Amino acid sequence: MLQNFERIRKEKKVSLVDIADLLNVRYQTVREKINGESDFKFGEAVKVKNTFFPEFEIEYIFMRETDSCLEADKELEHSSTSSC
């Protein structure tokens, strides 16, 4: 799941329909992309970022939960337990 995406989207009050309209897809398709059932194409990600979230880095917006776990584990590499 794209947790950062969802948090930012809700904070900025951007609806799934807003994103779906921008990308010319169904809102269910956007939901599937956010949930990780399918992926945003690069052009879609850039369009969403530039339109709704220009103040954020694209890597941060579209970081998957597993990606953030990898980053957290790197910081705790001397620890015996994973943060995720």
Protein backbone atom coordinates (compact mmCIF):
# COMPACT_ATOMS: atom_id res chain seq x y z
CA MET A 1 0.00 0.00 0.00
CA LEU A 2 1.10 3.54 -0.70
CA GLN A 3 0.79 4.82 2.86
CA ASN A 4 2.45 8.19 2.24
CA PHE A 5 0.23 8.73 -0.80
CA GLU A 6 -2.91 7.99 1.21
CA ARG A 7 -1.90 10.20 4.15
CA ILE A 8 -1.05 13.14 1.89
CA ARG A 9 -4.15 12.63 -0.25
CA LYS A 10 -6.42 12.72 2.79
CA GLU A 11 -4.63 15.71 4.36
CA LYS A 12 -5.04 17.68 1.14
CA LYS A 13 -8.62 16.43 0.66
CA VAL A 14 -7.93 15.01 -2.80
CA SER A 15 -10.55 12.39 -3.67
CA LEU A 16 -10.04 9.19 -5.61
CA VAL A 17 -12.45 10.63 -8.17
CA ASP A 18 -10.22 13.71 -8.56
CA ILE A 19 -7.25 11.47 -9.34
CA ALA A 20 -9.31 9.18 -11.57
CA ASP A 21 -10.59 12.15 -13.56
CA LEU A 22 -7.03 13.44 -14.04
CA LEU A 23 -5.85 10.04 -15.30
CA ASN A 24 -9.04 9.19 -17.23
CA VAL A 25 -9.54 5.94 -15.33
CA ARG A 26 -12.17 4.59 -12.93
CA TYR A 27 -11.81 5.49 -9.27
CA GLN A 28 -11.64 1.73 -8.52
CA THR A 29 -8.52 1.60 -10.70
CA VAL A 30 -6.93 4.31 -8.60
CA ARG A 31 -7.84 2.38 -5.44
CA GLU A 32 -6.22 -0.77 -6.88
CA LYS A 33 -3.04 1.17 -7.66
CA ILE A 34 -2.88 2.62 -4.14
CA ASN A 35 -3.49 -0.81 -2.59
CA GLY A 36 -0.71 -2.35 -4.67
CA GLU A 37 -2.93 -4.57 -6.82
CA SER A 38 -1.48 -2.76 -9.84
CA ASP A 39 1.11 -0.03 -10.32
CA PHE A 40 0.97 3.60 -11.35
CA LYS A 41 2.70 4.09 -14.69
CA PHE A 42 5.55 6.58 -14.49
CA GLY A 43 3.63 9.21 -16.48
CA GLU A 44 0.61 8.81 -14.19
CA ALA A 45 2.77 9.22 -11.09
CA VAL A 46 4.36 12.40 -12.45
CA LYS A 47 0.96 13.81 -13.45
CA VAL A 48 -0.54 13.13 -10.00
CA LYS A 49 2.48 14.58 -8.21
CA ASN A 50 2.63 17.73 -10.33
CA THR A 51 -1.13 18.34 -10.15
CA PHE A 52 -1.96 17.53 -6.53
CA PHE A 53 1.27 17.18 -4.53
CA PRO A 54 3.95 19.43 -6.10
CA GLU A 55 5.58 20.18 -2.75
CA PHE A 56 6.52 16.51 -2.17
CA GLU A 57 9.24 14.37 -3.74
CA ILE A 58 7.84 11.71 -6.08
CA GLU A 59 9.88 9.00 -4.34
CA TYR A 60 8.27 9.87 -1.01
CA ILE A 61 4.72 9.94 -2.37
CA PHE A 62 5.01 6.60 -4.15
CA MET A 63 7.11 4.71 -1.60
CA ARG A 64 5.52 1.34 -0.91
CA GLU A 65 5.21 -0.01 2.62
CA THR A 66 7.92 -2.61 1.94
CA ASP A 67 10.27 0.11 0.67
CA SER A 68 9.90 2.05 3.90
CA CYS A 69 10.56 -1.16 5.86
CA LEU A 70 13.79 -1.66 3.94
CA GLU A 71 14.88 1.89 4.77
CA ALA A 72 14.03 1.42 8.45
CA ASP A 73 15.90 -1.89 8.54
CA LYS A 74 19.01 -0.24 7.06
CA GLU A 75 18.99 2.21 9.96
CA LEU A 76 18.66 -0.64 12.44
CA GLU A 77 21.12 -3.01 10.77
CA HIS A 78 22.89 -3.71 14.06
CA SER A 79 19.60 -4.57 15.74
CA SER A 80 18.37 -8.16 15.82
CA THR A 81 14.75 -7.26 15.13
CA SER A 82 13.06 -5.72 12.12
CA SER A 83 11.01 -2.56 12.54
CA CYS A 84 8.24 -3.92 10.27
